[in-house]
């Protein structure tokens, strides 16, 4: 279960999915959550900053979207490792100043695939997490957490719907930059049913 965003995840969603699987006589051999790996993912994030492939940014969301669209680099893109580490730690404390900052991957601001234009990989969130409570004040974005967890958990083929196609390049980038075991992406088209809600959030 991906539970990287405490703002949108609730335990009832997980329980509903497990109940549905039980109804279908599907019994998992092992049950894991992304939150089981938060400490490990944070270590990778710190490693990215130290290697100079990630930096901290406080650009407002609307301006950041505009700059990414136009291929304009953030004014913080070339900040020192020391400055970035200080701000990363500040973000993780959830302080008033720390909440202004997020960690972005340093990829390519001119890439035709705009998903690769220095995406946000870590951000502050003070909402209590369904499983970890208030232990963490900052969380990894799905695009960072997913390839790390998939590789470490032994996933050979990541089944992803075509809506993620633009982000597949980012998935591979994370695996290569962090020197993780390769995971093959298998795309499939999304299924929608008439008169039936499939979204766990809507349900």
C-alpha atoms as a PDB file:
ATOM      1  CA  UNK A   1       0.000   0.000   0.000  1.00  0.00           C
ATOM      2  CA  UNK A   2       1.271   3.423  -0.970  1.00  0.00           C
ATOM      3  CA  UNK A   3       0.648   5.759   1.967  1.00  0.00           C
ATOM      4  CA  UNK A   4       3.058   8.615   1.301  1.00  0.00           C
ATOM      5  CA  UNK A   5       0.472  11.393   1.622  1.00  0.00           C
ATOM      6  CA  UNK A   6      -1.223  11.652   5.047  1.00  0.00           C
ATOM      7  CA  UNK A   7      -3.619  14.262   3.635  1.00  0.00           C
ATOM      8  CA  UNK A   8      -5.270  11.734   1.340  1.00  0.00           C
ATOM      9  CA  UNK A   9      -4.830   8.345   2.968  1.00  0.00           C
ATOM     10  CA  UNK A  10      -7.060   6.782   5.604  1.00  0.00           C
ATOM     11  CA  UNK A  11      -6.972   3.385   7.281  1.00  0.00           C
ATOM     12  CA  UNK A  12     -10.547   2.722   6.169  1.00  0.00           C
ATOM     13  CA  UNK A  13      -9.374   2.684   2.524  1.00  0.00           C
ATOM     14  CA  UNK A  14      -6.840  -0.028   3.288  1.00  0.00           C
ATOM     15  CA  UNK A  15      -9.359  -2.059   5.280  1.00  0.00           C
ATOM     16  CA  UNK A  16     -11.907  -1.852   2.453  1.00  0.00           C
ATOM     17  CA  UNK A  17      -9.399  -3.163  -0.094  1.00  0.00           C
ATOM     18  CA  UNK A  18      -8.356  -6.014   2.204  1.00  0.00           C
ATOM     19  CA  UNK A  19     -12.020  -6.897   2.776  1.00  0.00           C
ATOM     20  CA  UNK A  20     -12.631  -6.990  -0.972  1.00  0.00           C
ATOM     21  CA  UNK A  21      -9.618  -9.248  -1.504  1.00  0.00           C
ATOM     22  CA  UNK A  22     -10.821 -11.589   1.227  1.00  0.00           C
ATOM     23  CA  UNK A  23     -14.214 -11.739  -0.458  1.00  0.00           C
ATOM     24  CA  UNK A  24     -12.417 -12.886  -3.624  1.00  0.00           C
ATOM     25  CA  UNK A  25     -10.411 -15.465  -1.622  1.00  0.00           C
ATOM     26  CA  UNK A  26      -7.189 -13.587  -2.313  1.00  0.00           C
ATOM     27  CA  UNK A  27      -4.804 -13.925   0.611  1.00  0.00           C
ATOM     28  CA  UNK A  28      -1.486 -12.027   0.321  1.00  0.00           C
ATOM     29  CA  UNK A  29       1.724 -13.769   1.389  1.00  0.00           C
ATOM     30  CA  UNK A  30       3.028 -10.477   2.720  1.00  0.00           C
ATOM     31  CA  UNK A  31       1.495  -7.067   3.397  1.00  0.00           C
ATOM     32  CA  UNK A  32       3.714  -3.974   3.235  1.00  0.00           C
ATOM     33  CA  UNK A  33       3.241  -0.218   3.312  1.00  0.00           C
ATOM     34  CA  UNK A  34       5.441   2.523   1.911  1.00  0.00           C
ATOM     35  CA  UNK A  35       5.469   3.974   5.438  1.00  0.00           C
ATOM     36  CA  UNK A  36       7.451   0.897   6.535  1.00  0.00           C
ATOM     37  CA  UNK A  37      10.311   2.332   4.479  1.00  0.00           C
ATOM     38  CA  UNK A  38      10.155   6.030   5.403  1.00  0.00           C
ATOM     39  CA  UNK A  39      13.508   5.968   7.227  1.00  0.00           C
ATOM     40  CA  UNK A  40      15.222   4.218   4.327  1.00  0.00           C
ATOM     41  CA  UNK A  41      13.725   6.621   1.758  1.00  0.00           C
ATOM     42  CA  UNK A  42      14.884   9.595   3.836  1.00  0.00           C
ATOM     43  CA  UNK A  43      18.452   8.242   3.783  1.00  0.00           C
ATOM     44  CA  UNK A  44      18.293   8.076  -0.009  1.00  0.00           C
ATOM     45  CA  UNK A  45      16.975  11.651  -0.133  1.00  0.00           C
ATOM     46  CA  UNK A  46      19.893  12.831   2.013  1.00  0.00           C
ATOM     47  CA  UNK A  47      22.247  10.933  -0.268  1.00  0.00           C
ATOM     48  CA  UNK A  48      20.795  12.738  -3.278  1.00  0.00           C
ATOM     49  CA  UNK A  49      21.476  16.123  -1.680  1.00  0.00           C
ATOM     50  CA  UNK A  50      25.049  15.141  -0.803  1.00  0.00           C
ATOM     51  CA  UNK A  51      25.629  13.954  -4.376  1.00  0.00           C
ATOM     52  CA  UNK A  52      24.318  17.243  -5.758  1.00  0.00           C
ATOM     53  CA  UNK A  53      21.335  15.726  -7.580  1.00  0.00           C
ATOM     54  CA  UNK A  54      18.725  17.301  -5.304  1.00  0.00           C
ATOM     55  CA  UNK A  55      18.221  20.713  -3.722  1.00  0.00           C
ATOM     56  CA  UNK A  56      15.835  22.576  -1.438  1.00  0.00           C
ATOM     57  CA  UNK A  57      13.407  25.120  -2.834  1.00  0.00           C
ATOM     58  CA  UNK A  58      10.866  27.553  -1.355  1.00  0.00           C
ATOM     59  CA  UNK A  59       9.400  28.765  -4.654  1.00  0.00           C
ATOM     60  CA  UNK A  60       5.586  29.141  -4.320  1.00  0.00           C
ATOM     61  CA  UNK A  61       3.655  26.361  -6.066  1.00  0.00           C
ATOM     62  CA  UNK A  62       2.082  28.502  -8.785  1.00  0.00           C
ATOM     63  CA  UNK A  63       5.412  30.139  -9.658  1.00  0.00           C
ATOM     64  CA  UNK A  64       7.174  26.773  -9.620  1.00  0.00           C
ATOM     65  CA  UNK A  65       4.632  25.375 -12.087  1.00  0.00           C
ATOM     66  CA  UNK A  66       5.115  28.403 -14.308  1.00  0.00           C
ATOM     67  CA  UNK A  67       8.918  28.100 -14.210  1.00  0.00           C
ATOM     68  CA  UNK A  68       8.804  24.385 -14.948  1.00  0.00           C
ATOM     69  CA  UNK A  69       6.508  25.037 -17.902  1.00  0.00           C
ATOM     70  CA  UNK A  70       8.882  27.624 -19.329  1.00  0.00           C
ATOM     71  CA  UNK A  71      12.072  25.760 -18.451  1.00  0.00           C
ATOM     72  CA  UNK A  72      13.293  28.383 -15.975  1.00  0.00           C
ATOM     73  CA  UNK A  73      15.633  27.092 -13.264  1.00  0.00           C
ATOM     74  CA  UNK A  74      14.930  27.891  -9.616  1.00  0.00           C
ATOM     75  CA  UNK A  75      17.140  30.512  -7.990  1.00  0.00           C
ATOM     76  CA  UNK A  76      18.064  27.830  -5.414  1.00  0.00           C
ATOM     77  CA  UNK A  77      19.150  25.216  -7.976  1.00  0.00           C
ATOM     78  CA  UNK A  78      22.861  25.684  -7.359  1.00  0.00           C
ATOM     79  CA  UNK A  79      22.800  26.138  -3.582  1.00  0.00           C
ATOM     80  CA  UNK A  80      25.578  24.410  -1.628  1.00  0.00           C
ATOM     81  CA  UNK A  81      25.225  20.943  -0.138  1.00  0.00           C
ATOM     82  CA  UNK A  82      25.616  22.441   3.342  1.00  0.00           C
ATOM     83  CA  UNK A  83      22.757  24.889   2.772  1.00  0.00           C
ATOM     84  CA  UNK A  84      20.536  22.190   1.296  1.00  0.00           C
ATOM     85  CA  UNK A  85      21.214  19.782   4.175  1.00  0.00           C
ATOM     86  CA  UNK A  86      20.404  22.463   6.734  1.00  0.00           C
ATOM     87  CA  UNK A  87      17.117  23.255   4.994  1.00  0.00           C
ATOM     88  CA  UNK A  88      16.238  19.564   4.546  1.00  0.00           C
ATOM     89  CA  UNK A  89      16.658  18.974   8.266  1.00  0.00           C
ATOM     90  CA  UNK A  90      14.605  22.097   8.972  1.00  0.00           C
ATOM     91  CA  UNK A  91      11.824  20.793   6.712  1.00  0.00           C
ATOM     92  CA  UNK A  92      11.844  17.474   8.561  1.00  0.00           C
ATOM     93  CA  UNK A  93      11.276  19.229  11.904  1.00  0.00           C
ATOM     94  CA  UNK A  94       8.040  20.732  10.583  1.00  0.00           C
ATOM     95  CA  UNK A  95       8.991  24.200  11.825  1.00  0.00           C
ATOM     96  CA  UNK A  96       7.296  27.291  10.431  1.00  0.00           C
ATOM     97  CA  UNK A  97      10.346  27.960   8.260  1.00  0.00           C
ATOM     98  CA  UNK A  98      10.744  24.294   7.346  1.00  0.00           C
ATOM     99  CA  UNK A  99       7.192  24.110   5.999  1.00  0.00           C
ATOM    100  CA  UNK A 100       8.114  26.637   3.292  1.00  0.00           C
ATOM    101  CA  UNK A 101      10.679  24.297   1.751  1.00  0.00           C
ATOM    102  CA  UNK A 102      10.557  21.165  -0.375  1.00  0.00           C
ATOM    103  CA  UNK A 103      13.232  18.962  -1.910  1.00  0.00           C
ATOM    104  CA  UNK A 104      13.473  18.867  -5.703  1.00  0.00           C
ATOM    105  CA  UNK A 105      15.452  16.493  -7.882  1.00  0.00           C
ATOM    106  CA  UNK A 106      18.016  18.195 -10.104  1.00  0.00           C
ATOM    107  CA  UNK A 107      17.313  16.628 -13.502  1.00  0.00           C
ATOM    108  CA  UNK A 108      16.836  18.736 -16.645  1.00  0.00           C
ATOM    109  CA  UNK A 109      14.885  21.997 -16.855  1.00  0.00           C
ATOM    110  CA  UNK A 110      14.964  21.845 -20.677  1.00  0.00           C
ATOM    111  CA  UNK A 111      13.657  18.294 -21.018  1.00  0.00           C
ATOM    112  CA  UNK A 112      10.752  17.923 -23.463  1.00  0.00           C
ATOM    113  CA  UNK A 113       9.086  15.685 -20.890  1.00  0.00           C
ATOM    114  CA  UNK A 114       8.081  18.363 -18.381  1.00  0.00           C
ATOM    115  CA  UNK A 115       7.794  15.780 -15.600  1.00  0.00           C
ATOM    116  CA  UNK A 116      11.594  15.692 -15.656  1.00  0.00           C
ATOM    117  CA  UNK A 117      11.978  19.407 -14.981  1.00  0.00           C
ATOM    118  CA  UNK A 118      13.216  19.217 -11.394  1.00  0.00           C
ATOM    119  CA  UNK A 119      10.167  17.547  -9.797  1.00  0.00           C
ATOM    120  CA  UNK A 120       9.386  17.850  -6.093  1.00  0.00           C
ATOM    121  CA  UNK A 121      10.445  14.673  -4.275  1.00  0.00           C
ATOM    122  CA  UNK A 122       9.957  15.572  -0.585  1.00  0.00           C
ATOM    123  CA  UNK A 123       7.659  18.019   1.209  1.00  0.00           C
ATOM    124  CA  UNK A 124       6.483  18.976   4.690  1.00  0.00           C
ATOM    125  CA  UNK A 125       3.069  17.879   5.947  1.00  0.00           C
ATOM    126  CA  UNK A 126       1.959  18.231   9.578  1.00  0.00           C
ATOM    127  CA  UNK A 127      -1.234  16.187   9.246  1.00  0.00           C
ATOM    128  CA  UNK A 128      -0.908  13.034  11.410  1.00  0.00           C
ATOM    129  CA  UNK A 129      -0.240   9.900   9.380  1.00  0.00           C
ATOM    130  CA  UNK A 130      -2.709   6.994   9.633  1.00  0.00           C
ATOM    131  CA  UNK A 131       0.042   4.554  10.649  1.00  0.00           C
ATOM    132  CA  UNK A 132       2.977   6.632  11.936  1.00  0.00           C
ATOM    133  CA  UNK A 133       1.048   9.396  13.685  1.00  0.00           C
ATOM    134  CA  UNK A 134       3.148  12.525  14.227  1.00  0.00           C
ATOM    135  CA  UNK A 135       6.540  10.783  14.065  1.00  0.00           C
ATOM    136  CA  UNK A 136       7.311  12.411  10.704  1.00  0.00           C
ATOM    137  CA  UNK A 137       6.728  15.999   9.626  1.00  0.00           C
ATOM    138  CA  UNK A 138       7.868  15.559   6.019  1.00  0.00           C
ATOM    139  CA  UNK A 139       7.134  12.825   3.500  1.00  0.00           C
ATOM    140  CA  UNK A 140       8.522  11.545   0.193  1.00  0.00           C
ATOM    141  CA  UNK A 141       6.502  12.049  -2.963  1.00  0.00           C
ATOM    142  CA  UNK A 142       5.203   8.899  -4.658  1.00  0.00           C
ATOM    143  CA  UNK A 143       7.601   9.406  -7.594  1.00  0.00           C
ATOM    144  CA  UNK A 144      10.595   9.040  -5.265  1.00  0.00           C
ATOM    145  CA  UNK A 145       9.217   6.417  -2.889  1.00  0.00           C
ATOM    146  CA  UNK A 146       7.720   4.050  -5.466  1.00  0.00           C
ATOM    147  CA  UNK A 147      10.873   3.008  -7.387  1.00  0.00           C
ATOM    148  CA  UNK A 148      12.903   2.734  -4.169  1.00  0.00           C
ATOM    149  CA  UNK A 149      10.364   0.475  -2.461  1.00  0.00           C
ATOM    150  CA  UNK A 150       9.682  -1.568  -5.615  1.00  0.00           C
ATOM    151  CA  UNK A 151      13.380  -2.296  -6.063  1.00  0.00           C
ATOM    152  CA  UNK A 152      14.013  -3.158  -2.411  1.00  0.00           C
ATOM    153  CA  UNK A 153      10.920  -5.352  -2.077  1.00  0.00           C
ATOM    154  CA  UNK A 154      11.899  -7.490  -5.048  1.00  0.00           C
ATOM    155  CA  UNK A 155       9.292  -6.301  -7.537  1.00  0.00           C
ATOM    156  CA  UNK A 156      10.284  -7.495 -11.021  1.00  0.00           C
ATOM    157  CA  UNK A 157       7.479  -5.859 -13.029  1.00  0.00           C
ATOM    158  CA  UNK A 158       5.757  -2.675 -11.886  1.00  0.00           C
ATOM    159  CA  UNK A 159       2.209  -2.679 -13.251  1.00  0.00           C
ATOM    160  CA  UNK A 160       1.358   0.924 -14.074  1.00  0.00           C
ATOM    161  CA  UNK A 161      -1.573   2.356 -15.973  1.00  0.00           C
ATOM    162  CA  UNK A 162      -0.885   4.490 -19.052  1.00  0.00           C
ATOM    163  CA  UNK A 163      -1.760   7.666 -17.106  1.00  0.00           C
ATOM    164  CA  UNK A 164       1.732   7.330 -15.547  1.00  0.00           C
ATOM    165  CA  UNK A 165       3.488   7.110 -18.927  1.00  0.00           C
ATOM    166  CA  UNK A 166       5.061  10.593 -18.682  1.00  0.00           C
ATOM    167  CA  UNK A 167       6.406   9.704 -15.233  1.00  0.00           C
ATOM    168  CA  UNK A 168       7.975   6.390 -16.229  1.00  0.00           C
ATOM    169  CA  UNK A 169      11.137   8.229 -17.317  1.00  0.00           C
ATOM    170  CA  UNK A 170      11.387   9.650 -13.786  1.00  0.00           C
ATOM    171  CA  UNK A 171      10.950   6.173 -12.282  1.00  0.00           C
ATOM    172  CA  UNK A 172      13.918   4.898 -14.313  1.00  0.00           C
ATOM    173  CA  UNK A 173      15.955   8.003 -13.442  1.00  0.00           C
ATOM    174  CA  UNK A 174      15.561   7.335  -9.714  1.00  0.00           C
ATOM    175  CA  UNK A 175      16.605   3.682 -10.088  1.00  0.00           C
ATOM    176  CA  UNK A 176      19.714   4.606 -12.102  1.00  0.00           C
ATOM    177  CA  UNK A 177      20.817   7.567  -9.983  1.00  0.00           C
ATOM    178  CA  UNK A 178      20.401   5.662  -6.713  1.00  0.00           C
ATOM    179  CA  UNK A 179      22.051   2.558  -8.220  1.00  0.00           C
ATOM    180  CA  UNK A 180      19.052   0.391  -7.428  1.00  0.00           C
ATOM    181  CA  UNK A 181      18.091  -2.938  -9.017  1.00  0.00           C
ATOM    182  CA  UNK A 182      16.212  -2.361 -12.279  1.00  0.00           C
ATOM    183  CA  UNK A 183      12.433  -2.862 -12.275  1.00  0.00           C
ATOM    184  CA  UNK A 184      10.623  -3.438 -15.574  1.00  0.00           C
ATOM    185  CA  UNK A 185       7.560  -1.232 -16.106  1.00  0.00           C
ATOM    186  CA  UNK A 186       4.562  -3.016 -17.609  1.00  0.00           C
ATOM    187  CA  UNK A 187       1.902  -0.606 -18.816  1.00  0.00           C
ATOM    188  CA  UNK A 188      -1.772  -1.381 -19.124  1.00  0.00           C
ATOM    189  CA  UNK A 189      -4.812   0.719 -19.940  1.00  0.00           C
ATOM    190  CA  UNK A 190      -7.067   1.789 -17.140  1.00  0.00           C
ATOM    191  CA  UNK A 191     -10.442   0.089 -16.696  1.00  0.00           C
ATOM    192  CA  UNK A 192     -13.547   2.079 -15.885  1.00  0.00           C
ATOM    193  CA  UNK A 193     -16.962   0.604 -15.145  1.00  0.00           C
ATOM    194  CA  UNK A 194     -20.221   2.379 -15.926  1.00  0.00           C
ATOM    195  CA  UNK A 195     -22.258   3.326 -12.848  1.00  0.00           C
ATOM    196  CA  UNK A 196     -19.505   2.052 -10.565  1.00  0.00           C
ATOM    197  CA  UNK A 197     -16.985   3.996  -8.467  1.00  0.00           C
ATOM    198  CA  UNK A 198     -13.488   2.479  -8.454  1.00  0.00           C
ATOM    199  CA  UNK A 199     -11.569   5.283  -6.762  1.00  0.00           C
ATOM    200  CA  UNK A 200     -10.907   4.440  -3.131  1.00  0.00           C
ATOM    201  CA  UNK A 201     -10.956   8.133  -2.257  1.00  0.00           C
ATOM    202  CA  UNK A 202     -14.384   8.612  -3.780  1.00  0.00           C
ATOM    203  CA  UNK A 203     -15.626   5.432  -2.150  1.00  0.00           C
END
